[in-house]
N, C-alpha and C. Protein backbone atom coordinates (compact mmCIF):
# COMPACT_ATOMS: atom_id res chain seq x y z
N UNK A 1 43.83 -13.19 -4.74
CA UNK A 1 42.50 -12.78 -4.24
C UNK A 1 42.43 -11.26 -4.19
N UNK A 2 41.38 -10.68 -4.74
CA UNK A 2 41.24 -9.23 -4.80
C UNK A 2 40.90 -8.63 -3.46
N UNK A 3 41.01 -7.31 -3.40
CA UNK A 3 40.69 -6.60 -2.18
C UNK A 3 39.18 -6.61 -1.94
N UNK A 4 38.75 -6.63 -0.67
CA UNK A 4 37.31 -6.58 -0.39
C UNK A 4 36.72 -5.26 -0.86
N UNK A 5 35.49 -5.30 -1.32
CA UNK A 5 34.81 -4.12 -1.85
C UNK A 5 34.43 -3.18 -0.73
N UNK A 6 34.84 -1.94 -0.85
CA UNK A 6 34.47 -0.90 0.12
C UNK A 6 33.23 -0.20 -0.41
N UNK A 7 32.08 -0.57 0.12
CA UNK A 7 30.82 -0.07 -0.42
C UNK A 7 30.64 1.42 -0.18
N UNK A 8 31.39 1.99 0.76
CA UNK A 8 31.24 3.41 1.07
C UNK A 8 31.99 4.30 0.10
N UNK A 9 32.89 3.70 -0.71
CA UNK A 9 33.69 4.49 -1.63
C UNK A 9 33.20 4.42 -3.06
N UNK A 10 32.07 3.74 -3.29
CA UNK A 10 31.53 3.63 -4.63
C UNK A 10 30.85 4.92 -5.04
N UNK A 11 30.70 5.19 -6.36
CA UNK A 11 30.00 6.40 -6.81
C UNK A 11 28.61 6.54 -6.21
N UNK A 12 27.90 5.39 -6.10
CA UNK A 12 26.60 5.38 -5.45
C UNK A 12 26.73 4.55 -4.18
N UNK A 13 26.62 5.17 -3.01
CA UNK A 13 26.82 4.42 -1.75
C UNK A 13 25.84 3.27 -1.62
N UNK A 14 26.29 2.20 -1.00
CA UNK A 14 25.45 1.06 -0.68
C UNK A 14 25.26 1.03 0.82
N UNK A 15 24.06 0.64 1.26
CA UNK A 15 23.81 0.49 2.68
C UNK A 15 23.14 -0.86 2.91
N UNK A 16 23.20 -1.29 4.14
CA UNK A 16 22.66 -2.60 4.49
C UNK A 16 21.13 -2.59 4.37
N UNK A 17 20.59 -3.67 3.78
CA UNK A 17 19.14 -3.81 3.65
C UNK A 17 18.62 -4.62 4.83
N UNK A 18 17.84 -4.02 5.73
CA UNK A 18 17.40 -4.73 6.94
C UNK A 18 16.42 -5.86 6.67
N UNK A 19 15.87 -5.93 5.46
CA UNK A 19 14.84 -6.93 5.17
C UNK A 19 15.40 -8.20 4.51
N UNK A 20 16.66 -8.17 4.13
CA UNK A 20 17.30 -9.35 3.54
C UNK A 20 18.66 -9.53 4.21
N UNK A 21 18.88 -10.65 4.92
CA UNK A 21 20.15 -10.85 5.63
C UNK A 21 21.35 -10.78 4.69
N UNK A 22 22.43 -10.18 5.18
CA UNK A 22 23.71 -10.10 4.46
C UNK A 22 23.55 -9.46 3.09
N UNK A 23 22.71 -8.45 2.98
CA UNK A 23 22.48 -7.82 1.69
C UNK A 23 22.70 -6.32 1.77
N UNK A 24 22.95 -5.74 0.60
CA UNK A 24 23.13 -4.30 0.50
C UNK A 24 22.27 -3.77 -0.65
N UNK A 25 21.84 -2.52 -0.49
CA UNK A 25 21.10 -1.83 -1.55
C UNK A 25 21.81 -0.52 -1.85
N UNK A 26 21.79 -0.15 -3.11
CA UNK A 26 22.28 1.18 -3.45
C UNK A 26 21.39 2.20 -2.75
N UNK A 27 21.98 3.26 -2.25
CA UNK A 27 21.25 4.22 -1.42
C UNK A 27 20.00 4.74 -2.11
N UNK A 28 20.11 5.09 -3.39
CA UNK A 28 18.95 5.64 -4.08
C UNK A 28 17.85 4.60 -4.24
N UNK A 29 18.23 3.32 -4.42
CA UNK A 29 17.22 2.25 -4.50
C UNK A 29 16.59 1.99 -3.14
N UNK A 30 17.40 2.04 -2.09
CA UNK A 30 16.88 1.84 -0.74
C UNK A 30 15.84 2.89 -0.39
N UNK A 31 16.12 4.13 -0.72
CA UNK A 31 15.23 5.23 -0.37
C UNK A 31 13.90 5.16 -1.11
N UNK A 32 13.80 4.34 -2.17
CA UNK A 32 12.59 4.25 -2.97
C UNK A 32 12.01 2.84 -3.00
N UNK A 33 12.44 1.97 -2.09
CA UNK A 33 11.97 0.58 -2.19
C UNK A 33 10.53 0.40 -1.73
N UNK A 34 9.98 1.39 -1.03
CA UNK A 34 8.56 1.37 -0.69
C UNK A 34 7.89 2.61 -1.27
N UNK A 35 6.78 2.38 -1.96
CA UNK A 35 6.03 3.47 -2.59
C UNK A 35 4.67 3.57 -1.93
N UNK A 36 4.25 4.78 -1.60
CA UNK A 36 2.98 5.01 -0.90
C UNK A 36 1.97 5.60 -1.89
N UNK A 37 0.80 4.96 -1.97
CA UNK A 37 -0.27 5.38 -2.87
C UNK A 37 -1.51 5.75 -2.06
N UNK A 38 -2.09 6.89 -2.36
CA UNK A 38 -3.35 7.30 -1.73
C UNK A 38 -4.47 7.15 -2.76
N UNK A 39 -5.54 6.46 -2.38
CA UNK A 39 -6.69 6.26 -3.27
C UNK A 39 -7.93 6.88 -2.64
N UNK A 40 -8.82 7.33 -3.50
CA UNK A 40 -10.05 7.93 -2.99
C UNK A 40 -11.03 8.25 -4.10
N UNK A 41 -11.91 9.19 -3.83
CA UNK A 41 -12.97 9.56 -4.75
C UNK A 41 -12.83 11.03 -5.10
N UNK A 42 -12.82 11.32 -6.41
CA UNK A 42 -12.76 12.70 -6.88
C UNK A 42 -14.16 13.19 -7.25
N UNK A 43 -14.44 14.43 -6.91
CA UNK A 43 -15.71 15.07 -7.24
C UNK A 43 -15.42 16.14 -8.29
N UNK A 44 -15.94 15.90 -9.49
CA UNK A 44 -15.62 16.77 -10.62
C UNK A 44 -16.89 17.43 -11.17
N UNK A 45 -16.78 18.66 -11.63
CA UNK A 45 -17.97 19.35 -12.17
C UNK A 45 -18.34 18.79 -13.54
N UNK A 46 -19.63 18.70 -13.79
CA UNK A 46 -20.11 18.27 -15.09
C UNK A 46 -19.75 19.32 -16.15
N UNK A 47 -19.51 18.87 -17.36
CA UNK A 47 -19.23 19.80 -18.44
C UNK A 47 -20.52 20.43 -18.94
N UNK A 48 -20.42 21.67 -19.43
CA UNK A 48 -21.60 22.36 -19.98
C UNK A 48 -22.19 21.55 -21.13
N UNK A 49 -23.51 21.51 -21.29
CA UNK A 49 -24.50 22.37 -20.61
C UNK A 49 -25.03 21.77 -19.31
N UNK A 50 -24.46 20.67 -18.84
CA UNK A 50 -24.96 20.07 -17.62
C UNK A 50 -24.53 20.88 -16.40
N UNK A 51 -25.28 20.71 -15.32
CA UNK A 51 -24.98 21.39 -14.07
C UNK A 51 -24.87 20.34 -12.97
N UNK A 52 -23.86 20.46 -12.14
CA UNK A 52 -23.70 19.52 -11.04
C UNK A 52 -22.32 18.88 -11.04
N UNK A 53 -22.21 17.77 -10.31
CA UNK A 53 -20.92 17.10 -10.15
C UNK A 53 -21.10 15.60 -10.37
N UNK A 54 -20.01 14.94 -10.70
CA UNK A 54 -19.99 13.48 -10.77
C UNK A 54 -18.75 12.98 -10.06
N UNK A 55 -18.75 11.71 -9.67
CA UNK A 55 -17.65 11.15 -8.89
C UNK A 55 -16.92 10.06 -9.67
N UNK A 56 -15.60 10.02 -9.52
CA UNK A 56 -14.77 8.97 -10.09
C UNK A 56 -13.70 8.62 -9.07
N UNK A 57 -13.19 7.40 -9.16
CA UNK A 57 -12.10 7.01 -8.27
C UNK A 57 -10.79 7.56 -8.82
N UNK A 58 -9.87 7.80 -7.91
CA UNK A 58 -8.56 8.33 -8.32
C UNK A 58 -7.50 7.90 -7.32
N UNK A 59 -6.26 7.96 -7.74
CA UNK A 59 -5.14 7.60 -6.87
C UNK A 59 -3.92 8.40 -7.28
N UNK A 60 -3.06 8.68 -6.34
CA UNK A 60 -1.82 9.38 -6.64
C UNK A 60 -0.71 8.90 -5.72
N UNK A 61 0.51 9.18 -6.10
CA UNK A 61 1.68 8.76 -5.35
C UNK A 61 2.02 9.79 -4.28
N UNK A 62 2.03 9.36 -3.02
CA UNK A 62 2.35 10.26 -1.92
C UNK A 62 3.86 10.45 -1.80
N UNK A 63 4.61 9.35 -1.93
CA UNK A 63 6.06 9.45 -1.80
C UNK A 63 6.70 8.09 -1.67
N UNK A 64 7.96 8.09 -1.24
CA UNK A 64 8.73 6.86 -1.11
C UNK A 64 9.40 6.81 0.26
N UNK A 65 9.79 5.61 0.64
CA UNK A 65 10.49 5.43 1.91
C UNK A 65 11.41 4.21 1.81
N UNK A 66 12.42 4.19 2.67
CA UNK A 66 13.34 3.06 2.70
C UNK A 66 12.97 2.00 3.71
N UNK A 67 12.18 2.39 4.71
CA UNK A 67 11.74 1.49 5.76
C UNK A 67 10.22 1.55 5.88
N UNK A 68 9.61 0.46 6.33
CA UNK A 68 8.16 0.44 6.52
C UNK A 68 7.77 1.45 7.58
N UNK A 69 8.56 1.54 8.65
CA UNK A 69 8.28 2.51 9.70
C UNK A 69 8.28 3.94 9.14
N UNK A 70 9.25 4.22 8.26
CA UNK A 70 9.31 5.56 7.66
C UNK A 70 8.10 5.84 6.77
N UNK A 71 7.61 4.80 6.08
CA UNK A 71 6.42 4.97 5.24
C UNK A 71 5.20 5.30 6.10
N UNK A 72 5.08 4.64 7.24
CA UNK A 72 3.97 4.92 8.15
C UNK A 72 4.04 6.35 8.67
N UNK A 73 5.24 6.75 9.09
CA UNK A 73 5.43 8.10 9.62
C UNK A 73 5.15 9.14 8.54
N UNK A 74 5.56 8.86 7.30
CA UNK A 74 5.31 9.80 6.21
C UNK A 74 3.80 9.98 5.99
N UNK A 75 3.07 8.89 6.02
CA UNK A 75 1.61 8.97 5.85
C UNK A 75 0.97 9.80 6.97
N UNK A 76 1.44 9.59 8.20
CA UNK A 76 0.89 10.34 9.34
C UNK A 76 1.18 11.83 9.17
N UNK A 77 2.42 12.15 8.76
CA UNK A 77 2.80 13.56 8.61
C UNK A 77 2.03 14.24 7.48
N UNK A 78 1.57 13.43 6.51
CA UNK A 78 0.82 13.97 5.37
C UNK A 78 -0.69 13.90 5.57
N UNK A 79 -1.14 13.49 6.74
CA UNK A 79 -2.58 13.23 6.93
C UNK A 79 -3.44 14.43 6.52
N UNK A 80 -3.07 15.60 6.95
CA UNK A 80 -3.87 16.80 6.66
C UNK A 80 -3.79 17.19 5.18
N UNK A 81 -2.82 16.66 4.45
CA UNK A 81 -2.64 17.03 3.05
C UNK A 81 -3.08 15.94 2.07
N UNK A 82 -3.59 14.82 2.59
CA UNK A 82 -3.95 13.71 1.71
C UNK A 82 -5.05 14.08 0.72
N UNK A 83 -5.85 15.09 1.06
CA UNK A 83 -6.93 15.52 0.16
C UNK A 83 -6.40 16.32 -1.02
N UNK A 84 -5.12 16.72 -0.96
CA UNK A 84 -4.55 17.60 -1.99
C UNK A 84 -4.11 16.79 -3.21
N UNK A 85 -5.09 16.28 -3.94
CA UNK A 85 -4.80 15.52 -5.16
C UNK A 85 -4.09 16.44 -6.16
N UNK A 86 -3.02 15.96 -6.79
CA UNK A 86 -2.25 16.83 -7.70
C UNK A 86 -3.10 17.41 -8.84
N UNK A 87 -2.92 18.68 -9.10
CA UNK A 87 -3.48 19.38 -10.26
C UNK A 87 -5.00 19.46 -10.26
N UNK A 88 -5.62 19.45 -9.09
CA UNK A 88 -7.07 19.67 -9.03
C UNK A 88 -7.36 21.16 -9.12
N UNK A 89 -8.43 21.50 -9.82
CA UNK A 89 -8.84 22.90 -9.90
C UNK A 89 -9.63 23.28 -8.65
N UNK A 90 -9.94 24.55 -8.52
CA UNK A 90 -10.67 25.04 -7.35
C UNK A 90 -12.07 24.43 -7.27
N UNK A 91 -12.63 24.04 -8.42
CA UNK A 91 -13.99 23.49 -8.44
C UNK A 91 -14.02 21.99 -8.19
N UNK A 92 -12.85 21.36 -8.11
CA UNK A 92 -12.77 19.92 -7.94
C UNK A 92 -12.30 19.59 -6.52
N UNK A 93 -12.60 18.38 -6.08
CA UNK A 93 -12.18 17.97 -4.73
C UNK A 93 -11.85 16.48 -4.73
N UNK A 94 -11.09 16.07 -3.72
CA UNK A 94 -10.67 14.68 -3.59
C UNK A 94 -10.88 14.24 -2.15
N UNK A 95 -11.55 13.10 -1.99
CA UNK A 95 -11.82 12.52 -0.67
C UNK A 95 -10.95 11.28 -0.50
N UNK A 96 -9.84 11.35 0.26
CA UNK A 96 -8.96 10.18 0.41
C UNK A 96 -9.65 9.08 1.21
N UNK A 97 -9.51 7.84 0.76
CA UNK A 97 -10.13 6.71 1.44
C UNK A 97 -9.10 5.74 2.01
N UNK A 98 -8.05 5.45 1.26
CA UNK A 98 -7.03 4.50 1.73
C UNK A 98 -5.64 5.00 1.38
N UNK A 99 -4.67 4.56 2.17
CA UNK A 99 -3.26 4.71 1.81
C UNK A 99 -2.66 3.30 1.84
N UNK A 100 -1.86 3.00 0.84
CA UNK A 100 -1.25 1.67 0.75
C UNK A 100 0.23 1.79 0.48
N UNK A 101 0.99 0.91 1.11
CA UNK A 101 2.44 0.88 0.94
C UNK A 101 2.78 -0.34 0.10
N UNK A 102 3.52 -0.11 -0.98
CA UNK A 102 3.91 -1.18 -1.89
C UNK A 102 5.43 -1.32 -1.92
N UNK A 103 5.87 -2.56 -2.01
CA UNK A 103 7.29 -2.82 -2.25
C UNK A 103 7.52 -2.75 -3.74
N UNK A 104 8.45 -1.90 -4.16
CA UNK A 104 8.74 -1.74 -5.57
C UNK A 104 10.07 -2.40 -5.89
N UNK A 105 10.14 -2.92 -7.09
CA UNK A 105 11.28 -3.73 -7.48
C UNK A 105 12.60 -2.98 -7.32
N UNK A 106 13.59 -3.65 -6.77
CA UNK A 106 14.92 -3.08 -6.63
C UNK A 106 15.95 -4.19 -6.78
N UNK A 107 17.18 -3.81 -6.92
CA UNK A 107 18.26 -4.78 -7.05
C UNK A 107 19.07 -4.81 -5.77
N UNK A 108 19.31 -6.02 -5.26
CA UNK A 108 20.06 -6.18 -4.02
C UNK A 108 21.37 -6.87 -4.30
N UNK A 109 22.42 -6.37 -3.71
CA UNK A 109 23.76 -6.96 -3.87
C UNK A 109 24.04 -7.81 -2.65
N UNK A 110 24.00 -9.13 -2.80
CA UNK A 110 24.21 -10.04 -1.69
C UNK A 110 25.58 -10.70 -1.85
N UNK A 111 26.54 -10.17 -1.11
CA UNK A 111 27.89 -10.72 -1.13
C UNK A 111 28.41 -10.91 -2.54
N UNK A 112 28.28 -9.88 -3.33
CA UNK A 112 28.85 -9.91 -4.67
C UNK A 112 27.90 -10.37 -5.75
N UNK A 113 26.79 -10.98 -5.39
CA UNK A 113 25.84 -11.47 -6.39
C UNK A 113 24.75 -10.44 -6.61
N UNK A 114 24.35 -10.27 -7.87
CA UNK A 114 23.29 -9.32 -8.20
C UNK A 114 21.98 -10.08 -8.28
N UNK A 115 21.03 -9.69 -7.42
CA UNK A 115 19.76 -10.41 -7.35
C UNK A 115 18.63 -9.43 -7.60
N UNK A 116 17.76 -9.75 -8.55
CA UNK A 116 16.59 -8.91 -8.83
C UNK A 116 15.37 -9.52 -8.16
N UNK A 117 14.67 -8.70 -7.43
CA UNK A 117 13.45 -9.16 -6.80
C UNK A 117 12.38 -9.41 -7.86
N UNK A 118 11.30 -10.04 -7.44
CA UNK A 118 10.20 -10.32 -8.34
C UNK A 118 9.71 -9.04 -9.01
N UNK A 119 9.36 -9.15 -10.28
CA UNK A 119 8.86 -7.97 -11.01
C UNK A 119 7.47 -7.56 -10.53
N UNK A 120 6.78 -8.45 -9.82
CA UNK A 120 5.44 -8.13 -9.34
C UNK A 120 5.52 -7.17 -8.16
N UNK A 121 4.76 -6.11 -8.21
CA UNK A 121 4.69 -5.18 -7.10
C UNK A 121 3.92 -5.85 -5.96
N UNK A 122 4.45 -5.75 -4.75
CA UNK A 122 3.83 -6.41 -3.61
C UNK A 122 3.25 -5.38 -2.65
N UNK A 123 1.97 -5.58 -2.28
CA UNK A 123 1.37 -4.71 -1.26
C UNK A 123 1.90 -5.14 0.10
N UNK A 124 2.39 -4.16 0.84
CA UNK A 124 3.00 -4.44 2.13
C UNK A 124 2.05 -4.07 3.27
N UNK A 125 1.30 -2.98 3.09
CA UNK A 125 0.48 -2.48 4.19
C UNK A 125 -0.64 -1.62 3.62
N UNK A 126 -1.79 -1.63 4.31
CA UNK A 126 -2.94 -0.85 3.88
C UNK A 126 -3.56 -0.16 5.08
N UNK A 127 -3.99 1.09 4.87
CA UNK A 127 -4.62 1.84 5.94
C UNK A 127 -5.86 2.57 5.45
N UNK A 128 -6.83 2.73 6.34
CA UNK A 128 -8.08 3.43 6.03
C UNK A 128 -7.99 4.85 6.56
N UNK A 129 -8.25 5.82 5.70
CA UNK A 129 -8.19 7.23 6.10
C UNK A 129 -9.50 7.60 6.78
N UNK A 130 -9.43 7.84 8.09
CA UNK A 130 -10.61 8.22 8.85
C UNK A 130 -10.71 9.72 9.04
N UNK A 131 -11.68 10.18 9.81
CA UNK A 131 -11.87 11.63 10.01
C UNK A 131 -10.69 12.30 10.71
N UNK A 132 -10.02 11.57 11.63
CA UNK A 132 -8.97 12.21 12.42
C UNK A 132 -7.64 11.47 12.38
N UNK A 133 -7.59 10.28 11.78
CA UNK A 133 -6.35 9.52 11.73
C UNK A 133 -6.46 8.40 10.70
N UNK A 134 -5.32 7.79 10.43
CA UNK A 134 -5.28 6.61 9.56
C UNK A 134 -5.35 5.37 10.45
N UNK A 135 -6.28 4.48 10.15
CA UNK A 135 -6.39 3.22 10.88
C UNK A 135 -5.80 2.12 10.00
N UNK A 136 -4.72 1.52 10.47
CA UNK A 136 -3.98 0.55 9.66
C UNK A 136 -4.55 -0.85 9.80
N UNK A 137 -4.63 -1.55 8.69
CA UNK A 137 -5.13 -2.92 8.69
C UNK A 137 -4.00 -3.86 9.10
N UNK A 138 -4.16 -4.48 10.27
CA UNK A 138 -3.14 -5.41 10.75
C UNK A 138 -3.24 -6.71 9.96
N UNK A 139 -2.19 -7.10 9.24
CA UNK A 139 -2.28 -8.27 8.36
C UNK A 139 -2.38 -9.58 9.12
N UNK A 140 -2.79 -10.61 8.41
CA UNK A 140 -2.86 -11.95 8.99
C UNK A 140 -1.49 -12.36 9.51
N UNK A 141 -1.47 -13.05 10.64
CA UNK A 141 -0.19 -13.45 11.24
C UNK A 141 0.32 -14.79 10.71
N UNK A 142 -0.59 -15.66 10.31
CA UNK A 142 -0.19 -17.00 9.89
C UNK A 142 -0.78 -17.34 8.52
N UNK A 143 -0.24 -18.40 7.93
CA UNK A 143 -0.75 -18.88 6.65
C UNK A 143 -2.18 -19.37 6.78
N UNK A 144 -2.49 -20.03 7.90
CA UNK A 144 -3.85 -20.52 8.12
C UNK A 144 -4.86 -19.36 8.17
N UNK A 145 -4.49 -18.28 8.85
CA UNK A 145 -5.36 -17.11 8.91
C UNK A 145 -5.57 -16.52 7.52
N UNK A 146 -4.48 -16.45 6.75
CA UNK A 146 -4.57 -15.90 5.40
C UNK A 146 -5.46 -16.77 4.51
N UNK A 147 -5.34 -18.08 4.63
CA UNK A 147 -6.16 -19.00 3.82
C UNK A 147 -7.64 -18.85 4.18
N UNK A 148 -7.92 -18.74 5.48
CA UNK A 148 -9.31 -18.57 5.91
C UNK A 148 -9.88 -17.26 5.39
N UNK A 149 -9.07 -16.21 5.40
CA UNK A 149 -9.53 -14.91 4.91
C UNK A 149 -9.75 -14.94 3.40
N UNK A 150 -8.85 -15.60 2.69
CA UNK A 150 -9.01 -15.73 1.24
C UNK A 150 -10.29 -16.47 0.90
N UNK A 151 -10.61 -17.51 1.67
CA UNK A 151 -11.86 -18.25 1.44
C UNK A 151 -13.07 -17.37 1.67
N UNK A 152 -13.00 -16.50 2.69
CA UNK A 152 -14.09 -15.57 2.97
C UNK A 152 -14.25 -14.57 1.84
N UNK A 153 -13.14 -14.10 1.30
CA UNK A 153 -13.18 -13.15 0.19
C UNK A 153 -13.81 -13.79 -1.04
N UNK A 154 -13.41 -15.01 -1.34
CA UNK A 154 -13.97 -15.72 -2.50
C UNK A 154 -15.47 -15.95 -2.34
N UNK A 155 -15.90 -16.23 -1.10
CA UNK A 155 -17.33 -16.43 -0.86
C UNK A 155 -18.11 -15.14 -1.10
N UNK A 156 -17.54 -14.01 -0.69
CA UNK A 156 -18.20 -12.72 -0.92
C UNK A 156 -18.27 -12.39 -2.40
N UNK A 157 -17.20 -12.67 -3.14
CA UNK A 157 -17.20 -12.41 -4.58
C UNK A 157 -18.21 -13.31 -5.30
N UNK A 158 -18.32 -14.57 -4.83
CA UNK A 158 -19.30 -15.48 -5.42
C UNK A 158 -20.72 -14.97 -5.16
N UNK A 159 -20.93 -14.44 -3.94
CA UNK A 159 -22.25 -13.88 -3.61
C UNK A 159 -22.56 -12.69 -4.50
N UNK A 160 -21.57 -11.84 -4.74
CA UNK A 160 -21.77 -10.67 -5.59
C UNK A 160 -22.15 -11.10 -7.01
N UNK A 161 -21.49 -12.14 -7.51
CA UNK A 161 -21.79 -12.64 -8.86
C UNK A 161 -23.20 -13.22 -8.95
N UNK A 162 -23.64 -13.87 -7.87
CA UNK A 162 -24.98 -14.45 -7.85
C UNK A 162 -26.06 -13.37 -7.77
N UNK A 163 -25.78 -12.31 -7.04
CA UNK A 163 -26.78 -11.27 -6.82
C UNK A 163 -26.97 -10.38 -8.05
N UNK A 164 -25.92 -10.22 -8.85
CA UNK A 164 -26.03 -9.33 -10.00
C UNK A 164 -27.09 -9.78 -11.00
N UNK A 165 -27.11 -11.06 -11.44
CA UNK A 165 -28.17 -11.48 -12.37
C UNK A 165 -29.57 -11.37 -11.79
N UNK A 166 -29.66 -11.47 -10.46
CA UNK A 166 -30.96 -11.38 -9.80
C UNK A 166 -31.37 -9.93 -9.56
N UNK A 167 -30.55 -8.98 -10.07
CA UNK A 167 -30.79 -7.55 -9.94
C UNK A 167 -30.79 -7.08 -8.48
N UNK A 168 -30.11 -7.85 -7.63
CA UNK A 168 -29.93 -7.41 -6.24
C UNK A 168 -28.65 -6.58 -6.19
N UNK A 169 -28.71 -5.42 -6.83
CA UNK A 169 -27.49 -4.64 -7.03
C UNK A 169 -26.89 -4.14 -5.73
N UNK A 170 -27.72 -3.71 -4.80
CA UNK A 170 -27.20 -3.20 -3.53
C UNK A 170 -26.46 -4.29 -2.77
N UNK A 171 -27.05 -5.48 -2.73
CA UNK A 171 -26.41 -6.60 -2.04
C UNK A 171 -25.10 -6.99 -2.73
N UNK A 172 -25.11 -7.00 -4.06
CA UNK A 172 -23.90 -7.34 -4.80
C UNK A 172 -22.80 -6.32 -4.56
N UNK A 173 -23.18 -5.05 -4.54
CA UNK A 173 -22.20 -3.99 -4.32
C UNK A 173 -21.60 -4.07 -2.93
N UNK A 174 -22.42 -4.35 -1.92
CA UNK A 174 -21.93 -4.47 -0.55
C UNK A 174 -20.96 -5.64 -0.41
N UNK A 175 -21.31 -6.77 -1.03
CA UNK A 175 -20.44 -7.95 -0.96
C UNK A 175 -19.11 -7.69 -1.65
N UNK A 176 -19.16 -7.03 -2.80
CA UNK A 176 -17.94 -6.72 -3.53
C UNK A 176 -17.07 -5.73 -2.75
N UNK A 177 -17.70 -4.74 -2.14
CA UNK A 177 -16.97 -3.75 -1.35
C UNK A 177 -16.32 -4.39 -0.14
N UNK A 178 -17.03 -5.28 0.53
CA UNK A 178 -16.47 -5.97 1.70
C UNK A 178 -15.28 -6.84 1.29
N UNK A 179 -15.38 -7.51 0.15
CA UNK A 179 -14.27 -8.34 -0.33
C UNK A 179 -13.04 -7.49 -0.60
N UNK A 180 -13.25 -6.32 -1.19
CA UNK A 180 -12.14 -5.41 -1.47
C UNK A 180 -11.48 -4.94 -0.19
N UNK A 181 -12.29 -4.62 0.82
CA UNK A 181 -11.75 -4.19 2.10
C UNK A 181 -10.93 -5.29 2.76
N UNK A 182 -11.41 -6.51 2.70
CA UNK A 182 -10.71 -7.63 3.34
C UNK A 182 -9.38 -7.93 2.66
N UNK A 183 -9.30 -7.66 1.36
CA UNK A 183 -8.04 -7.89 0.65
C UNK A 183 -6.90 -7.04 1.24
N UNK A 184 -7.26 -5.93 1.89
CA UNK A 184 -6.24 -5.08 2.49
C UNK A 184 -5.51 -5.72 3.65
N UNK A 185 -6.07 -6.81 4.19
CA UNK A 185 -5.43 -7.52 5.29
C UNK A 185 -4.47 -8.61 4.80
N UNK A 186 -4.43 -8.82 3.50
CA UNK A 186 -3.57 -9.85 2.92
C UNK A 186 -2.28 -9.21 2.40
N UNK A 187 -1.15 -9.68 2.86
CA UNK A 187 0.14 -9.23 2.35
C UNK A 187 0.99 -10.47 2.06
N UNK A 188 2.04 -10.26 1.29
CA UNK A 188 2.95 -11.36 0.98
C UNK A 188 3.53 -11.92 2.28
N UNK A 189 3.63 -13.25 2.41
CA UNK A 189 4.22 -13.85 3.62
C UNK A 189 5.58 -13.27 3.97
N UNK A 190 6.31 -12.85 2.96
CA UNK A 190 7.63 -12.25 3.18
C UNK A 190 7.57 -11.03 4.09
N UNK A 191 6.45 -10.29 4.03
CA UNK A 191 6.38 -9.01 4.72
C UNK A 191 5.60 -9.06 6.02
N UNK A 192 5.04 -10.20 6.39
CA UNK A 192 4.20 -10.26 7.59
C UNK A 192 4.92 -9.79 8.84
N UNK A 193 6.05 -10.42 9.14
CA UNK A 193 6.76 -10.07 10.38
C UNK A 193 7.27 -8.64 10.38
N UNK A 194 7.93 -8.17 9.29
CA UNK A 194 8.37 -6.77 9.30
C UNK A 194 7.23 -5.77 9.46
N UNK A 195 6.07 -6.05 8.83
CA UNK A 195 4.94 -5.13 8.93
C UNK A 195 4.37 -5.12 10.35
N UNK A 196 4.19 -6.30 10.92
CA UNK A 196 3.66 -6.37 12.29
C UNK A 196 4.58 -5.67 13.27
N UNK A 197 5.89 -5.84 13.09
CA UNK A 197 6.86 -5.17 13.95
C UNK A 197 6.78 -3.65 13.77
N UNK A 198 6.67 -3.20 12.52
CA UNK A 198 6.59 -1.76 12.26
C UNK A 198 5.34 -1.16 12.90
N UNK A 199 4.22 -1.86 12.81
CA UNK A 199 2.98 -1.36 13.42
C UNK A 199 3.12 -1.26 14.94
N UNK A 200 3.75 -2.26 15.54
CA UNK A 200 3.95 -2.24 16.99
C UNK A 200 4.93 -1.14 17.40
N UNK A 201 6.01 -1.00 16.64
CA UNK A 201 7.04 -0.02 17.00
C UNK A 201 6.55 1.41 16.86
N UNK A 202 5.69 1.66 15.88
CA UNK A 202 5.20 3.03 15.67
C UNK A 202 4.00 3.35 16.56
N UNK A 203 3.36 2.33 17.12
CA UNK A 203 2.25 2.55 18.04
C UNK A 203 1.01 3.15 17.40
N UNK A 204 0.80 2.89 16.12
CA UNK A 204 -0.35 3.48 15.42
C UNK A 204 -1.62 2.69 15.71
N UNK A 205 -2.74 3.29 15.39
CA UNK A 205 -4.04 2.63 15.57
C UNK A 205 -4.24 1.59 14.46
N UNK A 206 -4.65 0.38 14.85
CA UNK A 206 -4.84 -0.71 13.88
C UNK A 206 -6.22 -1.32 14.04
N UNK A 207 -6.65 -2.02 13.00
CA UNK A 207 -7.89 -2.78 13.03
C UNK A 207 -7.62 -4.18 12.49
N UNK A 208 -8.48 -5.11 12.84
CA UNK A 208 -8.38 -6.47 12.32
C UNK A 208 -9.67 -6.81 11.60
N UNK A 209 -9.61 -7.88 10.81
CA UNK A 209 -10.78 -8.24 10.03
C UNK A 209 -11.78 -9.00 10.86
C-alpha cells in the first residue's frame, strides 16, 4: 500500500472544498470557481454625421472568488467602481444594473478520484445594483417555491408572446422584463443552502419575489 498523498507538498497546493464533502480543489481552481459578471446599459455616441447617443446592453467580468461570501464582499467593495466598464472612452458611459455570481467548471479531487463538474455554467446568485447599494435576490428555498416561480415566469413569457402580434409592445416589454427579473431568483438546487447561508452570514440587503 502506497503512502498517503500529502496535498500540501504538491507543485500546486490543494485545499479543502467546503461545497463538496471530502473533496479537494487545486488552489488556483478554488480561487476561480466563482465568476462575477456585471451587466448594464452602455451609452455610446452616434457616429458622424449623426449627433447624439444610443444605448446597448453590455457586460464585463468583475473578478473571481473561492467562496460565495467572498464574491459578495468583492461586489460590495467594487460598488463605486461598477460603472467603470473596461476600455470606455471619455464620451461613453456605463450604467450597471445587475451583478451575478456564476459557478465555473472546475475539477475536484475526491479521495483520489478525478471528478469534473457539469460543463454548464450555473448561476449561483443575482443582485440588483441600486443607487446606494446592491440588493441581492434571495433564491427560492424549496423545490415547490421554484416550480411555482417557474410557472409564473412561463405565464409572463406567454403573455409577452400574445401581446406582440397585437402590437401591445409596452405590455409585452413589461412582461418580458418582469420574467427576466424573476429568473434571478432561480438557482441550481445544489446552491440553495450555501447561498442562503452566505446571504445571512454577510448581512447584506436582500429582496424576495
